[in-house]
Amino acid sequence: MEGSSVELDRVLFLADGQDITVGTPVVEGARVLATAKGEIKDDKIIILKYKRKVHYRNKTGHRQIHTTLLIDKILKPGESVEAPKKVRRTRKAAPKTEATVEEAKEETTSGS
C-alpha cells in the first residue's frame, strides 16, 4: 500500500486562518487527499492475567499496526481537484572547459 493515494471524505472540522467550519457531525462535501507512506508498529501492550493461590499466570503482548499518511491537499466543500502541474526539466549545461573559461575572461576584460 506504500505510495497509494487515499481520499478521506469524513471531515469533522475545517480551519483556514479565520474561517472555521465545524461539522454536524461531518462537513458535507469536504475531502482530504493523502498518500500512504507505509506501515509502522505501535508500542507493545502487555496483557497480564493473574489469579492468586491457584498458580495461574498468563502474559501476552500485542503491537498494533498503523498506516502513516502524508496529507497532500485539503478540499473545502465545492472545491475540485486540480491536475498537478507538469514540471519541465531542462538538461544541465555542459561542463565548461578551460578554453571557454578563458574566452569568458577575455570578454569581461575587453568589455570594461
PDB file of N, CA and C in Angstrom:
ATOM      1  N   MET A   1       0.803  -1.185   0.000  1.00  0.00           N
ATOM      2  CA  MET A   1       0.000   0.000   0.000  1.00  0.00           C
ATOM      3  C   MET A   1       0.854   1.261   0.000  1.00  0.00           C
ATOM      4  N   GLU A   2       2.141   1.133   0.098  1.00  0.00           N
ATOM      5  CA  GLU A   2       3.003   2.302   0.146  1.00  0.00           C
ATOM      6  C   GLU A   2       2.954   3.028  -1.185  1.00  0.00           C
ATOM      7  N   GLY A   3       2.718   4.342  -1.134  1.00  0.00           N
ATOM      8  CA  GLY A   3       2.654   5.154  -2.336  1.00  0.00           C
ATOM      9  C   GLY A   3       1.260   5.287  -2.923  1.00  0.00           C
ATOM     10  N   SER A   4       0.277   4.532  -2.433  1.00  0.00           N
ATOM     11  CA  SER A   4      -1.075   4.632  -2.971  1.00  0.00           C
ATOM     12  C   SER A   4      -1.770   5.861  -2.402  1.00  0.00           C
ATOM     13  N   SER A   5      -2.684   6.432  -3.195  1.00  0.00           N
ATOM     14  CA  SER A   5      -3.390   7.628  -2.748  1.00  0.00           C
ATOM     15  C   SER A   5      -4.694   7.235  -2.059  1.00  0.00           C
ATOM     16  N   VAL A   6      -5.061   8.021  -1.046  1.00  0.00           N
ATOM     17  CA  VAL A   6      -6.232   7.758  -0.231  1.00  0.00           C
ATOM     18  C   VAL A   6      -7.077   9.023  -0.190  1.00  0.00           C
ATOM     19  N   GLU A   7      -8.407   8.865  -0.267  1.00  0.00           N
ATOM     20  CA  GLU A   7      -9.304  10.008  -0.161  1.00  0.00           C
ATOM     21  C   GLU A   7     -10.176   9.819   1.076  1.00  0.00           C
ATOM     22  N   LEU A   8     -10.096  10.768   1.999  1.00  0.00           N
ATOM     23  CA  LEU A   8     -10.880  10.724   3.234  1.00  0.00           C
ATOM     24  C   LEU A   8     -12.030  11.719   3.091  1.00  0.00           C
ATOM     25  N   ASP A   9     -13.273  11.224   3.174  1.00  0.00           N
ATOM     26  CA  ASP A   9     -14.417  12.098   2.946  1.00  0.00           C
ATOM     27  C   ASP A   9     -15.196  12.431   4.220  1.00  0.00           C
ATOM     28  N   ARG A  10     -14.821  11.875   5.348  1.00  0.00           N
ATOM     29  CA  ARG A  10     -15.488  12.187   6.614  1.00  0.00           C
ATOM     30  C   ARG A  10     -14.649  13.209   7.380  1.00  0.00           C
ATOM     31  N   VAL A  11     -14.808  14.483   7.030  1.00  0.00           N
ATOM     32  CA  VAL A  11     -14.061  15.571   7.649  1.00  0.00           C
ATOM     33  C   VAL A  11     -14.925  16.161   8.758  1.00  0.00           C
ATOM     34  N   LEU A  12     -14.395  16.245   9.960  1.00  0.00           N
ATOM     35  CA  LEU A  12     -15.150  16.745  11.106  1.00  0.00           C
ATOM     36  C   LEU A  12     -14.975  18.242  11.325  1.00  0.00           C
ATOM     37  N   PHE A  13     -13.837  18.805  10.899  1.00  0.00           N
ATOM     38  CA  PHE A  13     -13.502  20.185  11.241  1.00  0.00           C
ATOM     39  C   PHE A  13     -12.590  20.757  10.164  1.00  0.00           C
ATOM     40  N   LEU A  14     -12.862  21.994   9.732  1.00  0.00           N
ATOM     41  CA  LEU A  14     -12.002  22.689   8.775  1.00  0.00           C
ATOM     42  C   LEU A  14     -11.620  24.048   9.364  1.00  0.00           C
ATOM     43  N   ALA A  15     -10.353  24.416   9.272  1.00  0.00           N
ATOM     44  CA  ALA A  15      -9.893  25.728   9.723  1.00  0.00           C
ATOM     45  C   ALA A  15      -8.892  26.255   8.714  1.00  0.00           C
ATOM     46  N   ASP A  16      -9.119  27.500   8.248  1.00  0.00           N
ATOM     47  CA  ASP A  16      -8.225  28.139   7.293  1.00  0.00           C
ATOM     48  C   ASP A  16      -8.064  29.592   7.727  1.00  0.00           C
ATOM     49  N   GLY A  17      -7.088  29.840   8.573  1.00  0.00           N
ATOM     50  CA  GLY A  17      -6.895  31.197   9.088  1.00  0.00           C
ATOM     51  C   GLY A  17      -8.047  31.583  10.001  1.00  0.00           C
ATOM     52  N   GLN A  18      -8.884  32.536   9.560  1.00  0.00           N
ATOM     53  CA  GLN A  18     -10.035  32.988  10.349  1.00  0.00           C
ATOM     54  C   GLN A  18     -11.297  32.182  10.074  1.00  0.00           C
ATOM     55  N   ASP A  19     -11.350  31.456   8.943  1.00  0.00           N
ATOM     56  CA  ASP A  19     -12.535  30.674   8.586  1.00  0.00           C
ATOM     57  C   ASP A  19     -12.508  29.342   9.312  1.00  0.00           C
ATOM     58  N   ILE A  20     -13.542  29.086  10.119  1.00  0.00           N
ATOM     59  CA  ILE A  20     -13.651  27.822  10.849  1.00  0.00           C
ATOM     60  C   ILE A  20     -14.992  27.196  10.518  1.00  0.00           C
ATOM     61  N   THR A  21     -14.971  25.920  10.138  1.00  0.00           N
ATOM     62  CA  THR A  21     -16.187  25.180   9.839  1.00  0.00           C
ATOM     63  C   THR A  21     -16.207  23.935  10.696  1.00  0.00           C
ATOM     64  N   VAL A  22     -17.278  23.796  11.481  1.00  0.00           N
ATOM     65  CA  VAL A  22     -17.437  22.628  12.335  1.00  0.00           C
ATOM     66  C   VAL A  22     -18.586  21.809  11.772  1.00  0.00           C
ATOM     67  N   GLY A  23     -18.365  20.496  11.586  1.00  0.00           N
ATOM     68  CA  GLY A  23     -19.387  19.633  11.031  1.00  0.00           C
ATOM     69  C   GLY A  23     -20.388  19.182  12.073  1.00  0.00           C
ATOM     70  N   THR A  24     -21.571  18.776  11.583  1.00  0.00           N
ATOM     71  CA  THR A  24     -22.605  18.244  12.479  1.00  0.00           C
ATOM     72  C   THR A  24     -23.116  16.925  11.923  1.00  0.00           C
ATOM     73  N   PRO A  25     -22.534  15.817  12.034  1.00  0.00           N
ATOM     74  CA  PRO A  25     -21.233  15.515  12.613  1.00  0.00           C
ATOM     75  C   PRO A  25     -20.076  15.687  11.639  1.00  0.00           C
ATOM     76  N   VAL A  26     -20.345  15.740  10.316  1.00  0.00           N
ATOM     77  CA  VAL A  26     -19.254  15.915   9.348  1.00  0.00           C
ATOM     78  C   VAL A  26     -19.541  17.144   8.489  1.00  0.00           C
ATOM     79  N   VAL A  27     -18.485  17.682   7.870  1.00  0.00           N
ATOM     80  CA  VAL A  27     -18.620  18.794   6.940  1.00  0.00           C
ATOM     81  C   VAL A  27     -18.938  18.184   5.581  1.00  0.00           C
ATOM     82  N   GLU A  28     -20.136  18.481   5.073  1.00  0.00           N
ATOM     83  CA  GLU A  28     -20.584  17.903   3.806  1.00  0.00           C
ATOM     84  C   GLU A  28     -19.756  18.444   2.644  1.00  0.00           C
ATOM     85  N   GLY A  29     -19.237  17.571   1.799  1.00  0.00           N
ATOM     86  CA  GLY A  29     -18.502  17.964   0.607  1.00  0.00           C
ATOM     87  C   GLY A  29     -17.017  18.189   0.809  1.00  0.00           C
ATOM     88  N   ALA A  30     -16.547  18.211   2.048  1.00  0.00           N
ATOM     89  CA  ALA A  30     -15.122  18.412   2.304  1.00  0.00           C
ATOM     90  C   ALA A  30     -14.398  17.078   2.176  1.00  0.00           C
ATOM     91  N   ARG A  31     -13.180  17.129   1.643  1.00  0.00           N
ATOM     92  CA  ARG A  31     -12.382  15.914   1.447  1.00  0.00           C
ATOM     93  C   ARG A  31     -10.923  16.195   1.754  1.00  0.00           C
ATOM     94  N   VAL A  32     -10.196  15.134   2.072  1.00  0.00           N
ATOM     95  CA  VAL A  32      -8.759  15.225   2.304  1.00  0.00           C
ATOM     96  C   VAL A  32      -8.089  14.196   1.399  1.00  0.00           C
ATOM     97  N   LEU A  33      -7.109  14.647   0.625  1.00  0.00           N
ATOM     98  CA  LEU A  33      -6.344  13.753  -0.245  1.00  0.00           C
ATOM     99  C   LEU A  33      -5.001  13.484   0.417  1.00  0.00           C
ATOM    100  N   ALA A  34      -4.649  12.203   0.531  1.00  0.00           N
ATOM    101  CA  ALA A  34      -3.416  11.822   1.221  1.00  0.00           C
ATOM    102  C   ALA A  34      -2.721  10.711   0.461  1.00  0.00           C
ATOM    103  N   THR A  35      -1.447  10.505   0.774  1.00  0.00           N
ATOM    104  CA  THR A  35      -0.641   9.434   0.186  1.00  0.00           C
ATOM    105  C   THR A  35      -0.119   8.555   1.318  1.00  0.00           C
ATOM    106  N   ALA A  36      -0.256   7.237   1.158  1.00  0.00           N
ATOM    107  CA  ALA A  36       0.215   6.303   2.181  1.00  0.00           C
ATOM    108  C   ALA A  36       1.729   6.205   2.117  1.00  0.00           C
ATOM    109  N   LYS A  37       2.372   6.331   3.272  1.00  0.00           N
ATOM    110  CA  LYS A  37       3.831   6.280   3.340  1.00  0.00           C
ATOM    111  C   LYS A  37       4.351   4.969   3.906  1.00  0.00           C
ATOM    112  N   GLY A  38       3.479   4.077   4.315  1.00  0.00           N
ATOM    113  CA  GLY A  38       3.928   2.797   4.842  1.00  0.00           C
ATOM    114  C   GLY A  38       3.251   2.486   6.160  1.00  0.00           C
ATOM    115  N   GLU A  39       3.604   1.345   6.696  1.00  0.00           N
ATOM    116  CA  GLU A  39       3.011   0.896   7.946  1.00  0.00           C
ATOM    117  C   GLU A  39       4.069   0.851   9.038  1.00  0.00           C
ATOM    118  N   ILE A  40       3.667   1.228  10.254  1.00  0.00           N
ATOM    119  CA  ILE A  40       4.554   1.155  11.407  1.00  0.00           C
ATOM    120  C   ILE A  40       3.826   0.425  12.526  1.00  0.00           C
ATOM    121  N   LYS A  41       4.600  -0.125  13.456  1.00  0.00           N
ATOM    122  CA  LYS A  41       4.006  -0.795  14.603  1.00  0.00           C
ATOM    123  C   LYS A  41       4.056   0.128  15.810  1.00  0.00           C
ATOM    124  N   ASP A  42       2.989   0.111  16.592  1.00  0.00           N
ATOM    125  CA  ASP A  42       2.889   0.912  17.798  1.00  0.00           C
ATOM    126  C   ASP A  42       3.688   0.253  18.917  1.00  0.00           C
ATOM    127  N   ASP A  43       3.752   0.899  20.074  1.00  0.00           N
ATOM    128  CA  ASP A  43       4.429   0.319  21.226  1.00  0.00           C
ATOM    129  C   ASP A  43       3.705  -0.947  21.680  1.00  0.00           C
ATOM    130  N   LYS A  44       4.456  -1.838  22.299  1.00  0.00           N
ATOM    131  CA  LYS A  44       3.876  -3.095  22.742  1.00  0.00           C
ATOM    132  C   LYS A  44       2.975  -2.872  23.954  1.00  0.00           C
ATOM    133  N   ILE A  45       1.802  -3.505  23.909  1.00  0.00           N
ATOM    134  CA  ILE A  45       0.873  -3.501  25.024  1.00  0.00           C
ATOM    135  C   ILE A  45       0.961  -4.877  25.669  1.00  0.00           C
ATOM    136  N   ILE A  46       1.188  -4.907  26.973  1.00  0.00           N
ATOM    137  CA  ILE A  46       1.333  -6.178  27.683  1.00  0.00           C
ATOM    138  C   ILE A  46       0.040  -6.475  28.435  1.00  0.00           C
ATOM    139  N   ILE A  47      -0.494  -7.673  28.208  1.00  0.00           N
ATOM    140  CA  ILE A  47      -1.699  -8.129  28.878  1.00  0.00           C
ATOM    141  C   ILE A  47      -1.291  -9.205  29.875  1.00  0.00           C
ATOM    142  N   LEU A  48      -1.570  -8.988  31.141  1.00  0.00           N
ATOM    143  CA  LEU A  48      -1.191  -9.943  32.178  1.00  0.00           C
ATOM    144  C   LEU A  48      -2.436 -10.373  32.937  1.00  0.00           C
ATOM    145  N   LYS A  49      -2.690 -11.675  32.947  1.00  0.00           N
ATOM    146  CA  LYS A  49      -3.790 -12.241  33.735  1.00  0.00           C
ATOM    147  C   LYS A  49      -3.163 -13.030  34.877  1.00  0.00           C
ATOM    148  N   TYR A  50      -3.694 -12.835  36.078  1.00  0.00           N
ATOM    149  CA  TYR A  50      -3.099 -13.461  37.249  1.00  0.00           C
ATOM    150  C   TYR A  50      -4.196 -13.796  38.252  1.00  0.00           C
ATOM    151  N   LYS A  51      -4.142 -15.000  38.757  1.00  0.00           N
ATOM    152  CA  LYS A  51      -5.042 -15.404  39.842  1.00  0.00           C
ATOM    153  C   LYS A  51      -4.179 -15.945  40.963  1.00  0.00           C
ATOM    154  N   ARG A  52      -4.335 -15.382  42.116  1.00  0.00           N
ATOM    155  CA  ARG A  52      -3.518 -15.798  43.240  1.00  0.00           C
ATOM    156  C   ARG A  52      -3.997 -17.139  43.787  1.00  0.00           C
ATOM    157  N   LYS A  53      -3.117 -17.796  44.434  1.00  0.00           N
ATOM    158  CA  LYS A  53      -3.350 -19.069  45.132  1.00  0.00           C
ATOM    159  C   LYS A  53      -3.603 -20.265  44.217  1.00  0.00           C
ATOM    160  N   VAL A  54      -3.785 -20.064  42.934  1.00  0.00           N
ATOM    161  CA  VAL A  54      -4.005 -21.213  42.044  1.00  0.00           C
ATOM    162  C   VAL A  54      -2.884 -21.338  41.013  1.00  0.00           C
ATOM    163  N   HIS A  55      -1.837 -20.533  41.163  1.00  0.00           N
ATOM    164  CA  HIS A  55      -0.667 -20.579  40.281  1.00  0.00           C
ATOM    165  C   HIS A  55      -1.052 -20.367  38.811  1.00  0.00           C
ATOM    166  N   TYR A  56      -1.925 -19.390  38.559  1.00  0.00           N
ATOM    167  CA  TYR A  56      -2.332 -19.090  37.192  1.00  0.00           C
ATOM    168  C   TYR A  56      -1.746 -17.742  36.794  1.00  0.00           C
ATOM    169  N   ARG A  57      -0.894 -17.756  35.768  1.00  0.00           N
ATOM    170  CA  ARG A  57      -0.330 -16.543  35.202  1.00  0.00           C
ATOM    171  C   ARG A  57      -0.345 -16.670  33.685  1.00  0.00           C
ATOM    172  N   ASN A  58      -0.790 -15.615  32.991  1.00  0.00           N
ATOM    173  CA  ASN A  58      -0.801 -15.609  31.529  1.00  0.00           C
ATOM    174  C   ASN A  58      -0.356 -14.221  31.069  1.00  0.00           C
ATOM    175  N   LYS A  59       0.777 -14.153  30.389  1.00  0.00           N
ATOM    176  CA  LYS A  59       1.321 -12.879  29.929  1.00  0.00           C
ATOM    177  C   LYS A  59       1.429 -12.928  28.407  1.00  0.00           C
ATOM    178  N   THR A  60       0.768 -11.996  27.735  1.00  0.00           N
ATOM    179  CA  THR A  60       0.838 -11.898  26.280  1.00  0.00           C
ATOM    180  C   THR A  60       1.105 -10.440  25.903  1.00  0.00           C
ATOM    181  N   GLY A  61       1.496 -10.215  24.681  1.00  0.00           N
ATOM    182  CA  GLY A  61       1.765  -8.868  24.192  1.00  0.00           C
ATOM    183  C   GLY A  61       1.138  -8.661  22.826  1.00  0.00           C
ATOM    184  N   HIS A  62       0.980  -7.390  22.454  1.00  0.00           N
ATOM    185  CA  HIS A  62       0.355  -7.061  21.182  1.00  0.00           C
ATOM    186  C   HIS A  62       0.924  -5.739  20.678  1.00  0.00           C
ATOM    187  N   ARG A  63       1.219  -5.659  19.370  1.00  0.00           N
ATOM    188  CA  ARG A  63       1.668  -4.412  18.746  1.00  0.00           C
ATOM    189  C   ARG A  63       0.720  -4.094  17.601  1.00  0.00           C
ATOM    190  N   GLN A  64      -0.024  -2.998  17.724  1.00  0.00           N
ATOM    191  CA  GLN A  64      -0.987  -2.595  16.705  1.00  0.00           C
ATOM    192  C   GLN A  64      -0.256  -1.978  15.520  1.00  0.00           C
ATOM    193  N   ILE A  65      -0.713  -2.284  14.304  1.00  0.00           N
ATOM    194  CA  ILE A  65      -0.120  -1.740  13.083  1.00  0.00           C
ATOM    195  C   ILE A  65      -0.901  -0.493  12.675  1.00  0.00           C
ATOM    196  N   HIS A  66      -0.171   0.603  12.369  1.00  0.00           N
ATOM    197  CA  HIS A  66      -0.769   1.853  11.925  1.00  0.00           C
ATOM    198  C   HIS A  66      -0.200   2.226  10.558  1.00  0.00           C
ATOM    199  N   THR A  67      -1.023   2.868   9.725  1.00  0.00           N
ATOM    200  CA  THR A  67      -0.586   3.355   8.425  1.00  0.00           C
ATOM    201  C   THR A  67      -0.255   4.842   8.548  1.00  0.00           C
ATOM    202  N   THR A  68       0.922   5.237   8.072  1.00  0.00           N
ATOM    203  CA  THR A  68       1.344   6.632   8.091  1.00  0.00           C
ATOM    204  C   THR A  68       0.875   7.300   6.804  1.00  0.00           C
ATOM    205  N   LEU A  69       0.209   8.465   6.936  1.00  0.00           N
ATOM    206  CA  LEU A  69      -0.306   9.191   5.782  1.00  0.00           C
ATOM    207  C   LEU A  69       0.384  10.543   5.650  1.00  0.00           C
ATOM    208  N   LEU A  70       0.607  10.963   4.411  1.00  0.00           N
ATOM    209  CA  LEU A  70       1.120  12.294   4.102  1.00  0.00           C
ATOM    210  C   LEU A  70      -0.030  13.062   3.458  1.00  0.00           C
ATOM    211  N   ILE A  71      -0.470  14.164   4.087  1.00  0.00           N
ATOM    212  CA  ILE A  71      -1.603  14.936   3.588  1.00  0.00           C
ATOM    213  C   ILE A  71      -1.149  15.758   2.386  1.00  0.00           C
ATOM    214  N   ASP A  72      -1.789  15.528   1.245  1.00  0.00           N
ATOM    215  CA  ASP A  72      -1.446  16.250   0.019  1.00  0.00           C
ATOM    216  C   ASP A  72      -2.278  17.525  -0.129  1.00  0.00           C
ATOM    217  N   LYS A  73      -3.590  17.408   0.070  1.00  0.00           N
ATOM    218  CA  LYS A  73      -4.467  18.551  -0.157  1.00  0.00           C
ATOM    219  C   LYS A  73      -5.726  18.409   0.684  1.00  0.00           C
ATOM    220  N   ILE A  74      -6.221  19.529   1.203  1.00  0.00           N
ATOM    221  CA  ILE A  74      -7.482  19.575   1.927  1.00  0.00           C
ATOM    222  C   ILE A  74      -8.454  20.376   1.068  1.00  0.00           C
ATOM    223  N   LEU A  75      -9.545  19.738   0.647  1.00  0.00           N
ATOM    224  CA  LEU A  75     -10.512  20.369  -0.242  1.00  0.00           C
ATOM    225  C   LEU A  75     -11.727  20.819   0.544  1.00  0.00           C
ATOM    226  N   LYS A  76     -12.108  22.084   0.378  1.00  0.00           N
ATOM    227  CA  LYS A  76     -13.305  22.630   1.010  1.00  0.00           C
ATOM    228  C   LYS A  76     -14.535  22.156   0.249  1.00  0.00           C
ATOM    229  N   PRO A  77     -15.722  22.307   0.819  1.00  0.00           N
ATOM    230  CA  PRO A  77     -16.941  21.921   0.098  1.00  0.00           C
ATOM    231  C   PRO A  77     -17.066  22.673  -1.217  1.00  0.00           C
ATOM    232  N   GLY A  78     -17.332  21.954  -2.297  1.00  0.00           N
ATOM    233  CA  GLY A  78     -17.473  22.544  -3.618  1.00  0.00           C
ATOM    234  C   GLY A  78     -16.169  22.736  -4.368  1.00  0.00           C
ATOM    235  N   GLU A  79     -15.038  22.488  -3.747  1.00  0.00           N
ATOM    236  CA  GLU A  79     -13.739  22.656  -4.387  1.00  0.00           C
ATOM    237  C   GLU A  79     -13.382  21.371  -5.126  1.00  0.00           C
ATOM    238  N   SER A  80     -12.793  21.499  -6.315  1.00  0.00           N
ATOM    239  CA  SER A  80     -12.437  20.319  -7.099  1.00  0.00           C
ATOM    240  C   SER A  80     -10.931  20.112  -7.090  1.00  0.00           C
ATOM    241  N   VAL A  81     -10.541  18.928  -7.501  1.00  0.00           N
ATOM    242  CA  VAL A  81      -9.124  18.575  -7.541  1.00  0.00           C
ATOM    243  C   VAL A  81      -8.538  19.093  -8.840  1.00  0.00           C
ATOM    244  N   GLU A  82      -7.468  19.876  -8.732  1.00  0.00           N
ATOM    245  CA  GLU A  82      -6.777  20.359  -9.915  1.00  0.00           C
ATOM    246  C   GLU A  82      -5.709  19.360 -10.307  1.00  0.00           C
ATOM    247  N   ALA A  83      -5.512  19.207 -11.606  1.00  0.00           N
ATOM    248  CA  ALA A  83      -4.461  18.305 -12.074  1.00  0.00           C
ATOM    249  C   ALA A  83      -3.113  18.906 -11.691  1.00  0.00           C
ATOM    250  N   PRO A  84      -2.186  18.078 -11.206  1.00  0.00           N
ATOM    251  CA  PRO A  84      -0.882  18.626 -10.839  1.00  0.00           C
ATOM    252  C   PRO A  84      -0.154  19.175 -12.056  1.00  0.00           C
ATOM    253  N   LYS A  85       0.516  20.310 -11.859  1.00  0.00           N
ATOM    254  CA  LYS A  85       1.243  20.923 -12.964  1.00  0.00           C
ATOM    255  C   LYS A  85       2.470  20.096 -13.296  1.00  0.00           C
ATOM    256  N   LYS A  86       2.697  19.933 -14.591  1.00  0.00           N
ATOM    257  CA  LYS A  86       3.876  19.184 -15.015  1.00  0.00           C
ATOM    258  C   LYS A  86       5.074  20.119 -14.991  1.00  0.00           C
ATOM    259  N   VAL A  87       6.129  19.643 -14.401  1.00  0.00           N
ATOM    260  CA  VAL A  87       7.357  20.432 -14.329  1.00  0.00           C
ATOM    261  C   VAL A  87       8.254  19.998 -15.473  1.00  0.00           C
ATOM    262  N   ARG A  88       8.634  20.966 -16.273  1.00  0.00           N
ATOM    263  CA  ARG A  88       9.501  20.654 -17.403  1.00  0.00           C
ATOM    264  C   ARG A  88      10.937  20.831 -16.958  1.00  0.00           C
ATOM    265  N   ARG A  89      11.678  19.771 -17.045  1.00  0.00           N
ATOM    266  CA  ARG A  89      13.076  19.827 -16.627  1.00  0.00           C
ATOM    267  C   ARG A  89      13.959  20.031 -17.845  1.00  0.00           C
ATOM    268  N   THR A  90      14.939  20.893 -17.698  1.00  0.00           N
ATOM    269  CA  THR A  90      15.876  21.144 -18.787  1.00  0.00           C
ATOM    270  C   THR A  90      17.160  20.384 -18.517  1.00  0.00           C
ATOM    271  N   ARG A  91      17.889  20.189 -19.552  1.00  0.00           N
ATOM    272  CA  ARG A  91      19.166  19.491 -19.399  1.00  0.00           C
ATOM    273  C   ARG A  91      20.173  20.415 -18.736  1.00  0.00           C
ATOM    274  N   LYS A  92      21.073  19.820 -18.003  1.00  0.00           N
ATOM    275  CA  LYS A  92      22.123  20.604 -17.369  1.00  0.00           C
ATOM    276  C   LYS A  92      23.104  21.073 -18.432  1.00  0.00           C
ATOM    277  N   ALA A  93      23.686  22.238 -18.216  1.00  0.00           N
ATOM    278  CA  ALA A  93      24.661  22.782 -19.153  1.00  0.00           C
ATOM    279  C   ALA A  93      25.916  21.917 -19.132  1.00  0.00           C
ATOM    280  N   ALA A  94      26.574  21.863 -20.278  1.00  0.00           N
ATOM    281  CA  ALA A  94      27.799  21.074 -20.378  1.00  0.00           C
ATOM    282  C   ALA A  94      28.876  21.714 -19.506  1.00  0.00           C
ATOM    283  N   PRO A  95      29.708  20.909 -18.895  1.00  0.00           N
ATOM    284  CA  PRO A  95      30.760  21.483 -18.048  1.00  0.00           C
ATOM    285  C   PRO A  95      31.693  22.358 -18.882  1.00  0.00           C
ATOM    286  N   LYS A  96      32.114  23.464 -18.291  1.00  0.00           N
ATOM    287  CA  LYS A  96      32.967  24.412 -19.006  1.00  0.00           C
ATOM    288  C   LYS A  96      34.381  23.865 -19.116  1.00  0.00           C
ATOM    289  N   THR A  97      34.947  24.043 -20.285  1.00  0.00           N
ATOM    290  CA  THR A  97      36.330  23.643 -20.496  1.00  0.00           C
ATOM    291  C   THR A  97      37.221  24.848 -20.245  1.00  0.00           C
ATOM    292  N   GLU A  98      38.499  24.625 -20.219  1.00  0.00           N
ATOM    293  CA  GLU A  98      39.438  25.716 -19.947  1.00  0.00           C
ATOM    294  C   GLU A  98      39.368  26.781 -21.033  1.00  0.00           C
ATOM    295  N   ALA A  99      39.123  26.380 -22.282  1.00  0.00           N
ATOM    296  CA  ALA A  99      39.064  27.341 -23.382  1.00  0.00           C
ATOM    297  C   ALA A  99      37.873  28.274 -23.203  1.00  0.00           C
ATOM    298  N   THR A 100      36.717  27.761 -22.823  1.00  0.00           N
ATOM    299  CA  THR A 100      35.542  28.622 -22.667  1.00  0.00           C
ATOM    300  C   THR A 100      35.702  29.537 -21.467  1.00  0.00           C
ATOM    301  N   VAL A 101      36.389  29.092 -20.427  1.00  0.00           N
ATOM    302  CA  VAL A 101      36.629  29.937 -19.264  1.00  0.00           C
ATOM    303  C   VAL A 101      37.538  31.094 -19.651  1.00  0.00           C
ATOM    304  N   GLU A 102      38.580  30.818 -20.450  1.00  0.00           N
ATOM    305  CA  GLU A 102      39.499  31.868 -20.889  1.00  0.00           C
ATOM    306  C   GLU A 102      38.788  32.868 -21.797  1.00  0.00           C
ATOM    307  N   GLU A 103      37.896  32.387 -22.684  1.00  0.00           N
ATOM    308  CA  GLU A 103      37.150  33.288 -23.564  1.00  0.00           C
ATOM    309  C   GLU A 103      36.248  34.195 -22.735  1.00  0.00           C
ATOM    310  N   ALA A 104      35.620  33.664 -21.715  1.00  0.00           N
ATOM    311  CA  ALA A 104      34.739  34.472 -20.862  1.00  0.00           C
ATOM    312  C   ALA A 104      35.541  35.550 -20.133  1.00  0.00           C
ATOM    313  N   LYS A 105      36.771  35.214 -19.692  1.00  0.00           N
ATOM    314  CA  LYS A 105      37.599  36.211 -19.023  1.00  0.00           C
ATOM    315  C   LYS A 105      38.002  37.317 -19.997  1.00  0.00           C
ATOM    316  N   GLU A 106      38.337  36.950 -21.249  1.00  0.00           N
ATOM    317  CA  GLU A 106      38.715  37.955 -22.244  1.00  0.00           C
ATOM    318  C   GLU A 106      37.557  38.889 -22.547  1.00  0.00           C
ATOM    319  N   GLU A 107      36.310  38.344 -22.616  1.00  0.00           N
ATOM    320  CA  GLU A 107      35.154  39.183 -22.902  1.00  0.00           C
ATOM    321  C   GLU A 107      34.905  40.176 -21.782  1.00  0.00           C
ATOM    322  N   THR A 108      35.077  39.758 -20.536  1.00  0.00           N
ATOM    323  CA  THR A 108      34.841  40.663 -19.423  1.00  0.00           C
ATOM    324  C   THR A 108      35.927  41.729 -19.332  1.00  0.00           C
ATOM    325  N   THR A 109      37.168  41.390 -19.631  1.00  0.00           N
ATOM    326  CA  THR A 109      38.237  42.392 -19.564  1.00  0.00           C
ATOM    327  C   THR A 109      38.174  43.346 -20.734  1.00  0.00           C
ATOM    328  N   SER A 110      37.800  42.882 -21.925  1.00  0.00           N
ATOM    329  CA  SER A 110      37.759  43.763 -23.077  1.00  0.00           C
ATOM    330  C   SER A 110      36.502  44.638 -23.045  1.00  0.00           C
ATOM    331  N   GLY A 111      35.455  44.199 -22.386  1.00  0.00           N
ATOM    332  CA  GLY A 111      34.216  44.968 -22.327  1.00  0.00           C
ATOM    333  C   GLY A 111      34.278  46.098 -21.330  1.00  0.00           C
ATOM    334  N   SER A 112      35.218  46.084 -20.392  1.00  0.00           N
ATOM    335  CA  SER A 112      35.295  47.123 -19.356  1.00  0.00           C
ATOM    336  C   SER A 112      36.009  48.325 -19.804  1.00  0.00           C
TER     337      SER A 112
END
